[in-house]
PDB file of N, CA and C in Angstrom:
ATOM      1  N   UNK A   1       9.893  14.949 -20.080  1.00  0.00           N
ATOM      2  CA  UNK A   1       9.316  13.644 -20.292  1.00  0.00           C
ATOM      3  C   UNK A   1       8.509  13.701 -21.585  1.00  0.00           C
ATOM      4  N   UNK A   2       8.668  12.712 -22.436  1.00  0.00           N
ATOM      5  CA  UNK A   2       7.938  12.630 -23.691  1.00  0.00           C
ATOM      6  C   UNK A   2       6.625  11.909 -23.442  1.00  0.00           C
ATOM      7  N   UNK A   3       5.526  12.510 -23.877  1.00  0.00           N
ATOM      8  CA  UNK A   3       4.202  11.913 -23.737  1.00  0.00           C
ATOM      9  C   UNK A   3       3.685  11.613 -25.144  1.00  0.00           C
ATOM     10  N   UNK A   4       3.812  10.363 -25.601  1.00  0.00           N
ATOM     11  CA  UNK A   4       3.479  10.041 -26.990  1.00  0.00           C
ATOM     12  C   UNK A   4       1.978   9.958 -27.229  1.00  0.00           C
ATOM     13  N   UNK A   5       1.577  10.144 -28.480  1.00  0.00           N
ATOM     14  CA  UNK A   5       0.194   9.852 -28.834  1.00  0.00           C
ATOM     15  C   UNK A   5       0.058   8.339 -28.903  1.00  0.00           C
ATOM     16  N   UNK A   6      -1.168   7.867 -28.773  1.00  0.00           N
ATOM     17  CA  UNK A   6      -1.465   6.443 -28.829  1.00  0.00           C
ATOM     18  C   UNK A   6      -0.669   5.650 -27.798  1.00  0.00           C
ATOM     19  N   UNK A   7      -0.465   6.232 -26.619  1.00  0.00           N
ATOM     20  CA  UNK A   7       0.292   5.563 -25.568  1.00  0.00           C
ATOM     21  C   UNK A   7      -0.603   4.800 -24.616  1.00  0.00           C
ATOM     22  N   UNK A   8      -0.112   3.699 -24.105  1.00  0.00           N
ATOM     23  CA  UNK A   8      -0.826   2.888 -23.114  1.00  0.00           C
ATOM     24  C   UNK A   8      -0.110   2.999 -21.776  1.00  0.00           C
ATOM     25  N   UNK A   9      -0.874   3.277 -20.711  1.00  0.00           N
ATOM     26  CA  UNK A   9      -0.335   3.398 -19.350  1.00  0.00           C
ATOM     27  C   UNK A   9       0.854   4.349 -19.289  1.00  0.00           C
ATOM     28  N   UNK A  10       0.710   5.523 -19.873  1.00  0.00           N
ATOM     29  CA  UNK A  10       1.768   6.535 -19.870  1.00  0.00           C
ATOM     30  C   UNK A  10       1.674   7.381 -18.605  1.00  0.00           C
ATOM     31  N   UNK A  11       2.817   7.588 -17.958  1.00  0.00           N
ATOM     32  CA  UNK A  11       2.847   8.345 -16.711  1.00  0.00           C
ATOM     33  C   UNK A  11       2.628   9.831 -16.976  1.00  0.00           C
ATOM     34  N   UNK A  12       1.609  10.394 -16.308  1.00  0.00           N
ATOM     35  CA  UNK A  12       1.321  11.820 -16.411  1.00  0.00           C
ATOM     36  C   UNK A  12       2.064  12.601 -15.337  1.00  0.00           C
ATOM     37  N   UNK A  13       2.126  12.052 -14.125  1.00  0.00           N
ATOM     38  CA  UNK A  13       2.906  12.638 -13.039  1.00  0.00           C
ATOM     39  C   UNK A  13       2.986  11.647 -11.894  1.00  0.00           C
ATOM     40  N   UNK A  14       3.831  11.985 -10.895  1.00  0.00           N
ATOM     41  CA  UNK A  14       3.917  11.140  -9.704  1.00  0.00           C
ATOM     42  C   UNK A  14       3.961  12.016  -8.467  1.00  0.00           C
ATOM     43  N   UNK A  15       3.657  11.407  -7.343  1.00  0.00           N
ATOM     44  CA  UNK A  15       3.642  12.128  -6.074  1.00  0.00           C
ATOM     45  C   UNK A  15       3.891  11.147  -4.937  1.00  0.00           C
ATOM     46  N   UNK A  16       4.279  11.678  -3.786  1.00  0.00           N
ATOM     47  CA  UNK A  16       4.548  10.861  -2.604  1.00  0.00           C
ATOM     48  C   UNK A  16       3.662  11.317  -1.456  1.00  0.00           C
ATOM     49  N   UNK A  17       3.099  10.360  -0.734  1.00  0.00           N
ATOM     50  CA  UNK A  17       2.332  10.622   0.485  1.00  0.00           C
ATOM     51  C   UNK A  17       3.128  10.060   1.652  1.00  0.00           C
ATOM     52  N   UNK A  18       3.293  10.878   2.688  1.00  0.00           N
ATOM     53  CA  UNK A  18       3.971  10.433   3.902  1.00  0.00           C
ATOM     54  C   UNK A  18       3.000  10.554   5.068  1.00  0.00           C
ATOM     55  N   UNK A  19       3.111   9.629   6.003  1.00  0.00           N
ATOM     56  CA  UNK A  19       2.173   9.619   7.122  1.00  0.00           C
ATOM     57  C   UNK A  19       2.910   9.338   8.426  1.00  0.00           C
ATOM     58  N   UNK A  20       2.607  10.140   9.471  1.00  0.00           N
ATOM     59  CA  UNK A  20       3.151   9.852  10.795  1.00  0.00           C
ATOM     60  C   UNK A  20       2.255   8.863  11.537  1.00  0.00           C
ATOM     61  N   UNK A  21       0.936   9.134  11.670  1.00  0.00           N
ATOM     62  CA  UNK A  21       0.054   8.113  12.260  1.00  0.00           C
ATOM     63  C   UNK A  21      -0.532   7.242  11.152  1.00  0.00           C
ATOM     64  N   UNK A  22      -1.265   6.188  11.523  1.00  0.00           N
ATOM     65  CA  UNK A  22      -2.025   5.427  10.531  1.00  0.00           C
ATOM     66  C   UNK A  22      -3.071   6.358   9.932  1.00  0.00           C
ATOM     67  N   UNK A  23      -3.231   6.321   8.613  1.00  0.00           N
ATOM     68  CA  UNK A  23      -4.169   7.220   7.932  1.00  0.00           C
ATOM     69  C   UNK A  23      -5.045   6.411   6.984  1.00  0.00           C
ATOM     70  N   UNK A  24      -6.335   6.738   6.981  1.00  0.00           N
ATOM     71  CA  UNK A  24      -7.269   6.151   6.027  1.00  0.00           C
ATOM     72  C   UNK A  24      -7.618   7.223   5.000  1.00  0.00           C
ATOM     73  N   UNK A  25      -7.356   6.936   3.737  1.00  0.00           N
ATOM     74  CA  UNK A  25      -7.659   7.876   2.657  1.00  0.00           C
ATOM     75  C   UNK A  25      -8.999   7.457   2.065  1.00  0.00           C
ATOM     76  N   UNK A  26      -9.996   8.330   2.152  1.00  0.00           N
ATOM     77  CA  UNK A  26     -11.342   7.986   1.714  1.00  0.00           C
ATOM     78  C   UNK A  26     -11.702   8.549   0.351  1.00  0.00           C
ATOM     79  N   UNK A  27     -10.953   9.560  -0.090  1.00  0.00           N
ATOM     80  CA  UNK A  27     -11.258  10.163  -1.385  1.00  0.00           C
ATOM     81  C   UNK A  27     -10.011  10.827  -1.936  1.00  0.00           C
ATOM     82  N   UNK A  28      -9.778  10.629  -3.230  1.00  0.00           N
ATOM     83  CA  UNK A  28      -8.680  11.277  -3.928  1.00  0.00           C
ATOM     84  C   UNK A  28      -9.282  11.970  -5.147  1.00  0.00           C
ATOM     85  N   UNK A  29      -8.993  13.263  -5.305  1.00  0.00           N
ATOM     86  CA  UNK A  29      -9.518  14.034  -6.420  1.00  0.00           C
ATOM     87  C   UNK A  29      -8.366  14.492  -7.296  1.00  0.00           C
ATOM     88  N   UNK A  30      -8.487  14.253  -8.604  1.00  0.00           N
ATOM     89  CA  UNK A  30      -7.486  14.684  -9.575  1.00  0.00           C
ATOM     90  C   UNK A  30      -8.136  15.626 -10.571  1.00  0.00           C
ATOM     91  N   UNK A  31      -7.514  16.766 -10.802  1.00  0.00           N
ATOM     92  CA  UNK A  31      -7.968  17.670 -11.852  1.00  0.00           C
ATOM     93  C   UNK A  31      -7.010  17.505 -13.023  1.00  0.00           C
ATOM     94  N   UNK A  32      -7.552  17.123 -14.160  1.00  0.00           N
ATOM     95  CA  UNK A  32      -6.773  16.922 -15.371  1.00  0.00           C
ATOM     96  C   UNK A  32      -6.970  18.140 -16.262  1.00  0.00           C
ATOM     97  N   UNK A  33      -5.901  18.901 -16.492  1.00  0.00           N
ATOM     98  CA  UNK A  33      -5.940  20.059 -17.381  1.00  0.00           C
ATOM     99  C   UNK A  33      -5.425  19.631 -18.747  1.00  0.00           C
ATOM    100  N   UNK A  34      -6.192  19.927 -19.777  1.00  0.00           N
ATOM    101  CA  UNK A  34      -5.835  19.569 -21.155  1.00  0.00           C
ATOM    102  C   UNK A  34      -5.733  20.860 -21.959  1.00  0.00           C
ATOM    103  N   UNK A  35      -4.598  21.081 -22.563  1.00  0.00           N
ATOM    104  CA  UNK A  35      -4.372  22.320 -23.296  1.00  0.00           C
ATOM    105  C   UNK A  35      -4.103  22.017 -24.760  1.00  0.00           C
ATOM    106  N   UNK A  36      -4.745  22.769 -25.625  1.00  0.00           N
ATOM    107  CA  UNK A  36      -4.524  22.613 -27.055  1.00  0.00           C
ATOM    108  C   UNK A  36      -4.911  23.896 -27.773  1.00  0.00           C
ATOM    109  N   UNK A  37      -4.301  24.138 -28.909  1.00  0.00           N
ATOM    110  CA  UNK A  37      -4.696  25.282 -29.721  1.00  0.00           C
ATOM    111  C   UNK A  37      -5.686  24.860 -30.805  1.00  0.00           C
ATOM    112  N   UNK A  38      -5.894  23.541 -30.951  1.00  0.00           N
ATOM    113  CA  UNK A  38      -6.827  23.023 -31.950  1.00  0.00           C
ATOM    114  C   UNK A  38      -7.844  22.132 -31.235  1.00  0.00           C
ATOM    115  N   UNK A  39      -9.139  22.497 -31.219  1.00  0.00           N
ATOM    116  CA  UNK A  39     -10.143  21.671 -30.551  1.00  0.00           C
ATOM    117  C   UNK A  39     -10.111  20.235 -31.055  1.00  0.00           C
ATOM    118  N   UNK A  40     -10.169  19.295 -30.117  1.00  0.00           N
ATOM    119  CA  UNK A  40     -10.178  17.882 -30.461  1.00  0.00           C
ATOM    120  C   UNK A  40      -8.800  17.270 -30.647  1.00  0.00           C
ATOM    121  N   UNK A  41      -7.758  18.077 -30.670  1.00  0.00           N
ATOM    122  CA  UNK A  41      -6.407  17.539 -30.845  1.00  0.00           C
ATOM    123  C   UNK A  41      -5.567  17.855 -29.619  1.00  0.00           C
ATOM    124  N   UNK A  42      -5.719  17.081 -28.593  1.00  0.00           N
ATOM    125  CA  UNK A  42      -4.921  17.261 -27.395  1.00  0.00           C
ATOM    126  C   UNK A  42      -5.710  17.743 -26.211  1.00  0.00           C
ATOM    127  N   UNK A  43      -6.941  18.191 -26.445  1.00  0.00           N
ATOM    128  CA  UNK A  43      -7.797  18.570 -25.333  1.00  0.00           C
ATOM    129  C   UNK A  43      -8.281  17.317 -24.622  1.00  0.00           C
ATOM    130  N   UNK A  44      -9.213  17.480 -23.706  1.00  0.00           N
ATOM    131  CA  UNK A  44      -9.734  16.338 -22.957  1.00  0.00           C
ATOM    132  C   UNK A  44     -10.614  15.440 -23.815  1.00  0.00           C
ATOM    133  N   UNK A  45     -11.218  16.022 -24.873  1.00  0.00           N
ATOM    134  CA  UNK A  45     -12.080  15.246 -25.758  1.00  0.00           C
ATOM    135  C   UNK A  45     -11.593  15.374 -27.199  1.00  0.00           C
ATOM    136  N   UNK A  46     -12.126  14.508 -28.070  1.00  0.00           N
ATOM    137  CA  UNK A  46     -11.694  14.517 -29.469  1.00  0.00           C
ATOM    138  C   UNK A  46     -12.577  15.374 -30.367  1.00  0.00           C
ATOM    139  N   UNK A  47     -13.517  16.108 -29.794  1.00  0.00           N
ATOM    140  CA  UNK A  47     -14.419  16.926 -30.583  1.00  0.00           C
ATOM    141  C   UNK A  47     -15.644  16.169 -31.066  1.00  0.00           C
ATOM    142  N   UNK A  48     -15.681  14.869 -30.837  1.00  0.00           N
ATOM    143  CA  UNK A  48     -16.821  14.035 -31.237  1.00  0.00           C
ATOM    144  C   UNK A  48     -17.401  13.284 -30.039  1.00  0.00           C
ATOM    145  N   UNK A  49     -17.333  13.903 -28.870  1.00  0.00           N
ATOM    146  CA  UNK A  49     -17.882  13.341 -27.624  1.00  0.00           C
ATOM    147  C   UNK A  49     -17.184  12.062 -27.178  1.00  0.00           C
ATOM    148  N   UNK A  50     -15.886  11.947 -27.479  1.00  0.00           N
ATOM    149  CA  UNK A  50     -15.083  10.819 -27.007  1.00  0.00           C
ATOM    150  C   UNK A  50     -13.895  11.356 -26.209  1.00  0.00           C
ATOM    151  N   UNK A  51     -13.557  10.704 -25.092  1.00  0.00           N
ATOM    152  CA  UNK A  51     -12.417  11.176 -24.305  1.00  0.00           C
ATOM    153  C   UNK A  51     -11.081  10.858 -24.987  1.00  0.00           C
ATOM    154  N   UNK A  52     -10.130  11.785 -24.874  1.00  0.00           N
ATOM    155  CA  UNK A  52      -8.772  11.544 -25.385  1.00  0.00           C
ATOM    156  C   UNK A  52      -7.916  10.774 -24.387  1.00  0.00           C
ATOM    157  N   UNK A  53      -8.321  10.761 -23.116  1.00  0.00           N
ATOM    158  CA  UNK A  53      -7.537  10.107 -22.056  1.00  0.00           C
ATOM    159  C   UNK A  53      -8.447   9.129 -21.322  1.00  0.00           C
ATOM    160  N   UNK A  54      -8.056   7.863 -21.314  1.00  0.00           N
ATOM    161  CA  UNK A  54      -8.857   6.809 -20.692  1.00  0.00           C
ATOM    162  C   UNK A  54      -7.967   5.949 -19.789  1.00  0.00           C
ATOM    163  N   UNK A  55      -8.597   5.053 -19.049  1.00  0.00           N
ATOM    164  CA  UNK A  55      -7.877   4.114 -18.185  1.00  0.00           C
ATOM    165  C   UNK A  55      -6.937   4.854 -17.232  1.00  0.00           C
ATOM    166  N   UNK A  56      -7.430   5.960 -16.664  1.00  0.00           N
ATOM    167  CA  UNK A  56      -6.628   6.772 -15.745  1.00  0.00           C
ATOM    168  C   UNK A  56      -6.644   6.091 -14.377  1.00  0.00           C
ATOM    169  N   UNK A  57      -5.439   5.847 -13.860  1.00  0.00           N
ATOM    170  CA  UNK A  57      -5.342   5.165 -12.572  1.00  0.00           C
ATOM    171  C   UNK A  57      -4.138   5.657 -11.789  1.00  0.00           C
ATOM    172  N   UNK A  58      -4.199   5.414 -10.480  1.00  0.00           N
ATOM    173  CA  UNK A  58      -3.113   5.778  -9.572  1.00  0.00           C
ATOM    174  C   UNK A  58      -2.532   4.474  -9.032  1.00  0.00           C
ATOM    175  N   UNK A  59      -1.248   4.288  -9.310  1.00  0.00           N
ATOM    176  CA  UNK A  59      -0.569   3.036  -8.978  1.00  0.00           C
ATOM    177  C   UNK A  59       0.546   3.290  -7.977  1.00  0.00           C
ATOM    178  N   UNK A  60       0.664   2.406  -6.979  1.00  0.00           N
ATOM    179  CA  UNK A  60       1.801   2.468  -6.057  1.00  0.00           C
ATOM    180  C   UNK A  60       3.030   1.996  -6.834  1.00  0.00           C
ATOM    181  N   UNK A  61       4.054   2.832  -6.874  1.00  0.00           N
ATOM    182  CA  UNK A  61       5.231   2.544  -7.702  1.00  0.00           C
ATOM    183  C   UNK A  61       5.961   1.288  -7.238  1.00  0.00           C
ATOM    184  N   UNK A  62       6.188   1.127  -5.938  1.00  0.00           N
ATOM    185  CA  UNK A  62       6.998   0.011  -5.434  1.00  0.00           C
ATOM    186  C   UNK A  62       6.396  -1.356  -5.750  1.00  0.00           C
ATOM    187  N   UNK A  63       5.079  -1.482  -5.589  1.00  0.00           N
ATOM    188  CA  UNK A  63       4.445  -2.794  -5.770  1.00  0.00           C
ATOM    189  C   UNK A  63       3.783  -2.959  -7.136  1.00  0.00           C
ATOM    190  N   UNK A  64       3.473  -1.846  -7.796  1.00  0.00           N
ATOM    191  CA  UNK A  64       2.743  -1.904  -9.058  1.00  0.00           C
ATOM    192  C   UNK A  64       1.246  -2.088  -8.871  1.00  0.00           C
ATOM    193  N   UNK A  65       0.782  -2.054  -7.615  1.00  0.00           N
ATOM    194  CA  UNK A  65      -0.640  -2.245  -7.321  1.00  0.00           C
ATOM    195  C   UNK A  65      -1.427  -0.965  -7.633  1.00  0.00           C
ATOM    196  N   UNK A  66      -2.566  -1.140  -8.280  1.00  0.00           N
ATOM    197  CA  UNK A  66      -3.456  -0.007  -8.553  1.00  0.00           C
ATOM    198  C   UNK A  66      -4.239   0.297  -7.280  1.00  0.00           C
ATOM    199  N   UNK A  67      -4.097   1.533  -6.769  1.00  0.00           N
ATOM    200  CA  UNK A  67      -4.807   1.946  -5.565  1.00  0.00           C
ATOM    201  C   UNK A  67      -6.124   2.634  -5.906  1.00  0.00           C
ATOM    202  N   UNK A  68      -6.155   3.385  -6.991  1.00  0.00           N
ATOM    203  CA  UNK A  68      -7.365   4.098  -7.396  1.00  0.00           C
ATOM    204  C   UNK A  68      -7.539   3.985  -8.901  1.00  0.00           C
ATOM    205  N   UNK A  69      -8.783   3.717  -9.329  1.00  0.00           N
ATOM    206  CA  UNK A  69      -9.093   3.676 -10.742  1.00  0.00           C
ATOM    207  C   UNK A  69      -9.240   2.248 -11.234  1.00  0.00           C
ATOM    208  N   UNK A  70      -9.404   2.103 -12.523  1.00  0.00           N
ATOM    209  CA  UNK A  70      -9.286   3.136 -13.551  1.00  0.00           C
ATOM    210  C   UNK A  70     -10.595   3.900 -13.774  1.00  0.00           C
ATOM    211  N   UNK A  71     -10.434   5.100 -14.336  1.00  0.00           N
ATOM    212  CA  UNK A  71     -11.552   5.929 -14.782  1.00  0.00           C
ATOM    213  C   UNK A  71     -11.167   6.562 -16.114  1.00  0.00           C
ATOM    214  N   UNK A  72     -12.182   6.950 -16.867  1.00  0.00           N
ATOM    215  CA  UNK A  72     -11.976   7.663 -18.121  1.00  0.00           C
ATOM    216  C   UNK A  72     -12.453   9.095 -17.963  1.00  0.00           C
ATOM    217  N   UNK A  73     -11.847  10.008 -18.728  1.00  0.00           N
ATOM    218  CA  UNK A  73     -12.427  11.336 -18.814  1.00  0.00           C
ATOM    219  C   UNK A  73     -13.764  11.207 -19.544  1.00  0.00           C
ATOM    220  N   UNK A  74     -14.615  12.206 -19.397  1.00  0.00           N
ATOM    221  CA  UNK A  74     -15.921  12.194 -20.031  1.00  0.00           C
ATOM    222  C   UNK A  74     -15.854  12.817 -21.418  1.00  0.00           C
ATOM    223  N   UNK A  75     -16.403  12.106 -22.412  1.00  0.00           N
ATOM    224  CA  UNK A  75     -16.485  12.678 -23.748  1.00  0.00           C
ATOM    225  C   UNK A  75     -17.429  13.853 -23.809  1.00  0.00           C
ATOM    226  N   UNK A  76     -18.386  13.897 -22.879  1.00  0.00           N
ATOM    227  CA  UNK A  76     -19.352  14.993 -22.827  1.00  0.00           C
ATOM    228  C   UNK A  76     -18.876  16.129 -21.924  1.00  0.00           C
ATOM    229  N   UNK A  77     -17.712  15.962 -21.302  1.00  0.00           N
ATOM    230  CA  UNK A  77     -17.193  16.959 -20.374  1.00  0.00           C
ATOM    231  C   UNK A  77     -16.435  18.064 -21.074  1.00  0.00           C
ATOM    232  N   UNK A  78     -15.844  18.932 -20.282  1.00  0.00           N
ATOM    233  CA  UNK A  78     -15.073  20.067 -20.789  1.00  0.00           C
ATOM    234  C   UNK A  78     -13.857  19.585 -21.579  1.00  0.00           C
ATOM    235  N   UNK A  79     -13.503  20.324 -22.617  1.00  0.00           N
ATOM    236  CA  UNK A  79     -12.312  20.004 -23.403  1.00  0.00           C
ATOM    237  C   UNK A  79     -11.047  20.555 -22.753  1.00  0.00           C
ATOM    238  N   UNK A  80     -11.198  21.521 -21.817  1.00  0.00           N
ATOM    239  CA  UNK A  80     -10.021  22.160 -21.219  1.00  0.00           C
ATOM    240  C   UNK A  80      -9.591  21.539 -19.893  1.00  0.00           C
ATOM    241  N   UNK A  81     -10.523  21.055 -19.082  1.00  0.00           N
ATOM    242  CA  UNK A  81     -10.160  20.392 -17.827  1.00  0.00           C
ATOM    243  C   UNK A  81     -11.332  19.563 -17.317  1.00  0.00           C
ATOM    244  N   UNK A  82     -10.995  18.497 -16.607  1.00  0.00           N
ATOM    245  CA  UNK A  82     -12.008  17.646 -15.990  1.00  0.00           C
ATOM    246  C   UNK A  82     -11.472  17.161 -14.653  1.00  0.00           C
ATOM    247  N   UNK A  83     -12.396  16.882 -13.736  1.00  0.00           N
ATOM    248  CA  UNK A  83     -12.026  16.414 -12.405  1.00  0.00           C
ATOM    249  C   UNK A  83     -12.519  14.982 -12.216  1.00  0.00           C
ATOM    250  N   UNK A  84     -11.622  14.140 -11.739  1.00  0.00           N
ATOM    251  CA  UNK A  84     -11.958  12.755 -11.420  1.00  0.00           C
ATOM    252  C   UNK A  84     -11.913  12.588  -9.907  1.00  0.00           C
ATOM    253  N   UNK A  85     -12.894  11.884  -9.357  1.00  0.00           N
ATOM    254  CA  UNK A  85     -12.925  11.593  -7.924  1.00  0.00           C
ATOM    255  C   UNK A  85     -12.884  10.082  -7.738  1.00  0.00           C
ATOM    256  N   UNK A  86     -11.914   9.639  -6.966  1.00  0.00           N
ATOM    257  CA  UNK A  86     -11.746   8.221  -6.658  1.00  0.00           C
ATOM    258  C   UNK A  86     -12.187   8.019  -5.207  1.00  0.00           C
ATOM    259  N   UNK A  87     -13.114   7.093  -4.969  1.00  0.00           N
ATOM    260  CA  UNK A  87     -13.653   6.868  -3.629  1.00  0.00           C
ATOM    261  C   UNK A  87     -13.201   5.556  -3.002  1.00  0.00           C
ATOM    262  N   UNK A  88     -12.221   4.895  -3.589  1.00  0.00           N
ATOM    263  CA  UNK A  88     -11.705   3.662  -2.998  1.00  0.00           C
ATOM    264  C   UNK A  88     -10.962   4.022  -1.714  1.00  0.00           C
ATOM    265  N   UNK A  89     -11.280   3.338  -0.626  1.00  0.00           N
ATOM    266  CA  UNK A  89     -10.644   3.606   0.665  1.00  0.00           C
ATOM    267  C   UNK A  89      -9.323   2.837   0.740  1.00  0.00           C
ATOM    268  N   UNK A  90      -8.251   3.562   1.077  1.00  0.00           N
ATOM    269  CA  UNK A  90      -6.913   2.972   1.189  1.00  0.00           C
ATOM    270  C   UNK A  90      -6.282   3.402   2.511  1.00  0.00           C
ATOM    271  N   UNK A  91      -5.365   2.590   3.018  1.00  0.00           N
ATOM    272  CA  UNK A  91      -4.693   2.879   4.286  1.00  0.00           C
ATOM    273  C   UNK A  91      -3.209   3.115   4.070  1.00  0.00           C
ATOM    274  N   UNK A  92      -2.683   4.127   4.765  1.00  0.00           N
ATOM    275  CA  UNK A  92      -1.241   4.354   4.831  1.00  0.00           C
ATOM    276  C   UNK A  92      -0.801   4.014   6.253  1.00  0.00           C
ATOM    277  N   UNK A  93       0.218   3.188   6.378  1.00  0.00           N
ATOM    278  CA  UNK A  93       0.724   2.784   7.689  1.00  0.00           C
ATOM    279  C   UNK A  93       1.511   3.916   8.339  1.00  0.00           C
ATOM    280  N   UNK A  94       1.489   3.954   9.654  1.00  0.00           N
ATOM    281  CA  UNK A  94       2.243   4.955  10.404  1.00  0.00           C
ATOM    282  C   UNK A  94       3.716   4.898  10.029  1.00  0.00           C
ATOM    283  N   UNK A  95       4.309   6.069   9.807  1.00  0.00           N
ATOM    284  CA  UNK A  95       5.723   6.156   9.485  1.00  0.00           C
ATOM    285  C   UNK A  95       6.070   5.804   8.054  1.00  0.00           C
ATOM    286  N   UNK A  96       5.060   5.616   7.212  1.00  0.00           N
ATOM    287  CA  UNK A  96       5.338   5.213   5.836  1.00  0.00           C
ATOM    288  C   UNK A  96       5.454   6.404   4.897  1.00  0.00           C
ATOM    289  N   UNK A  97       6.096   6.173   3.786  1.00  0.00           N
ATOM    290  CA  UNK A  97       6.200   7.130   2.694  1.00  0.00           C
ATOM    291  C   UNK A  97       5.981   6.336   1.407  1.00  0.00           C
ATOM    292  N   UNK A  98       4.928   6.660   0.688  1.00  0.00           N
ATOM    293  CA  UNK A  98       4.543   5.876  -0.472  1.00  0.00           C
ATOM    294  C   UNK A  98       4.506   6.755  -1.710  1.00  0.00           C
ATOM    295  N   UNK A  99       5.154   6.301  -2.785  1.00  0.00           N
ATOM    296  CA  UNK A  99       5.180   7.048  -4.049  1.00  0.00           C
ATOM    297  C   UNK A  99       4.175   6.427  -5.011  1.00  0.00           C
ATOM    298  N   UNK A 100       3.419   7.289  -5.674  1.00  0.00           N
ATOM    299  CA  UNK A 100       2.400   6.875  -6.628  1.00  0.00           C
ATOM    300  C   UNK A 100       2.670   7.512  -7.981  1.00  0.00           C
ATOM    301  N   UNK A 101       2.144   6.883  -9.029  1.00  0.00           N
ATOM    302  CA  UNK A 101       2.183   7.491 -10.358  1.00  0.00           C
ATOM    303  C   UNK A 101       0.765   7.472 -10.925  1.00  0.00           C
ATOM    304  N   UNK A 102       0.441   8.521 -11.665  1.00  0.00           N
ATOM    305  CA  UNK A 102      -0.838   8.617 -12.350  1.00  0.00           C
ATOM    306  C   UNK A 102      -0.570   8.306 -13.815  1.00  0.00           C
ATOM    307  N   UNK A 103      -1.277   7.302 -14.343  1.00  0.00           N
ATOM    308  CA  UNK A 103      -1.075   6.901 -15.732  1.00  0.00           C
ATOM    309  C   UNK A 103      -2.394   6.985 -16.494  1.00  0.00           C
ATOM    310  N   UNK A 104      -2.276   7.029 -17.825  1.00  0.00           N
ATOM    311  CA  UNK A 104      -3.461   7.063 -18.679  1.00  0.00           C
ATOM    312  C   UNK A 104      -3.126   6.459 -20.034  1.00  0.00           C
ATOM    313  N   UNK A 105      -4.171   5.996 -20.706  1.00  0.00           N
ATOM    314  CA  UNK A 105      -4.061   5.627 -22.103  1.00  0.00           C
ATOM    315  C   UNK A 105      -4.397   6.880 -22.904  1.00  0.00           C
ATOM    316  N   UNK A 106      -3.613   7.141 -23.951  1.00  0.00           N
ATOM    317  CA  UNK A 106      -3.752   8.374 -24.725  1.00  0.00           C
ATOM    318  C   UNK A 106      -4.171   8.013 -26.141  1.00  0.00           C
ATOM    319  N   UNK A 107      -5.220   8.645 -26.607  1.00  0.00           N
ATOM    320  CA  UNK A 107      -5.764   8.369 -27.940  1.00  0.00           C
ATOM    321  C   UNK A 107      -4.748   8.703 -29.031  1.00  0.00           C
ATOM    322  N   UNK A 108      -4.831   7.997 -30.143  1.00  0.00           N
ATOM    323  CA  UNK A 108      -3.862   8.170 -31.227  1.00  0.00           C
ATOM    324  C   UNK A 108      -3.941   9.531 -31.905  1.00  0.00           C
ATOM    325  N   UNK A 109      -5.070  10.229 -31.775  1.00  0.00           N
ATOM    326  CA  UNK A 109      -5.210  11.541 -32.416  1.00  0.00           C
ATOM    327  C   UNK A 109      -4.597  12.679 -31.605  1.00  0.00           C
ATOM    328  N   UNK A 110      -4.169  12.387 -30.394  1.00  0.00           N
ATOM    329  CA  UNK A 110      -3.559  13.414 -29.543  1.00  0.00           C
ATOM    330  C   UNK A 110      -2.105  13.582 -29.956  1.00  0.00           C
ATOM    331  N   UNK A 111      -1.663  14.810 -30.274  1.00  0.00           N
ATOM    332  CA  UNK A 111      -0.262  15.008 -30.668  1.00  0.00           C
ATOM    333  C   UNK A 111       0.689  14.667 -29.523  1.00  0.00           C
ATOM    334  N   UNK A 112       1.872  14.145 -29.855  1.00  0.00           N
ATOM    335  CA  UNK A 112       2.910  13.901 -28.842  1.00  0.00           C
ATOM    336  C   UNK A 112       3.345  15.225 -28.257  1.00  0.00           C
ATOM    337  N   UNK A 113       3.673  15.227 -26.965  1.00  0.00           N
ATOM    338  CA  UNK A 113       4.149  16.428 -26.303  1.00  0.00           C
ATOM    339  C   UNK A 113       5.317  16.082 -25.402  1.00  0.00           C
ATOM    340  N   UNK A 114       6.082  17.087 -25.050  1.00  0.00           N
ATOM    341  CA  UNK A 114       7.149  16.932 -24.057  1.00  0.00           C
ATOM    342  C   UNK A 114       6.718  17.711 -22.834  1.00  0.00           C
ATOM    343  N   UNK A 115       6.606  17.024 -21.692  1.00  0.00           N
ATOM    344  CA  UNK A 115       6.202  17.662 -20.448  1.00  0.00           C
ATOM    345  C   UNK A 115       7.401  18.271 -19.756  1.00  0.00           C
ATOM    346  N   UNK A 116       7.237  19.471 -19.266  1.00  0.00           N
ATOM    347  CA  UNK A 116       8.310  20.121 -18.512  1.00  0.00           C
ATOM    348  C   UNK A 116       8.293  19.603 -17.090  1.00  0.00           C
ATOM    349  N   UNK A 117       9.470  19.469 -16.457  1.00  0.00           N
ATOM    350  CA  UNK A 117       9.503  18.972 -15.070  1.00  0.00           C
ATOM    351  C   UNK A 117       8.934  20.001 -14.112  1.00  0.00           C
TER     352      UNK A 117
END
């Protein structure tokens, strides 16, 4: 998958949740790992206390509804990884299987990359 610089709502990854009984999800935690060989170019921050990844949200693929977010990475946080915690309460119906995608806006200074499957 190609992850362009200066991208809006670019998919970082997707996942599926399946439930046998009715389930209430009270917290979702995402760890975002940012790897770069040049500080400020592709890491979590730009080297000037600004986040490289913003408007991070988790969207239900079938409906397009945002279930969690948006949140931005912290410009004052680590350049190598940051953790986001979403506290919006959501329900999964019994017997359901729901696919989600995690998207973000990517700053123009971040080099384009190709993600391995």
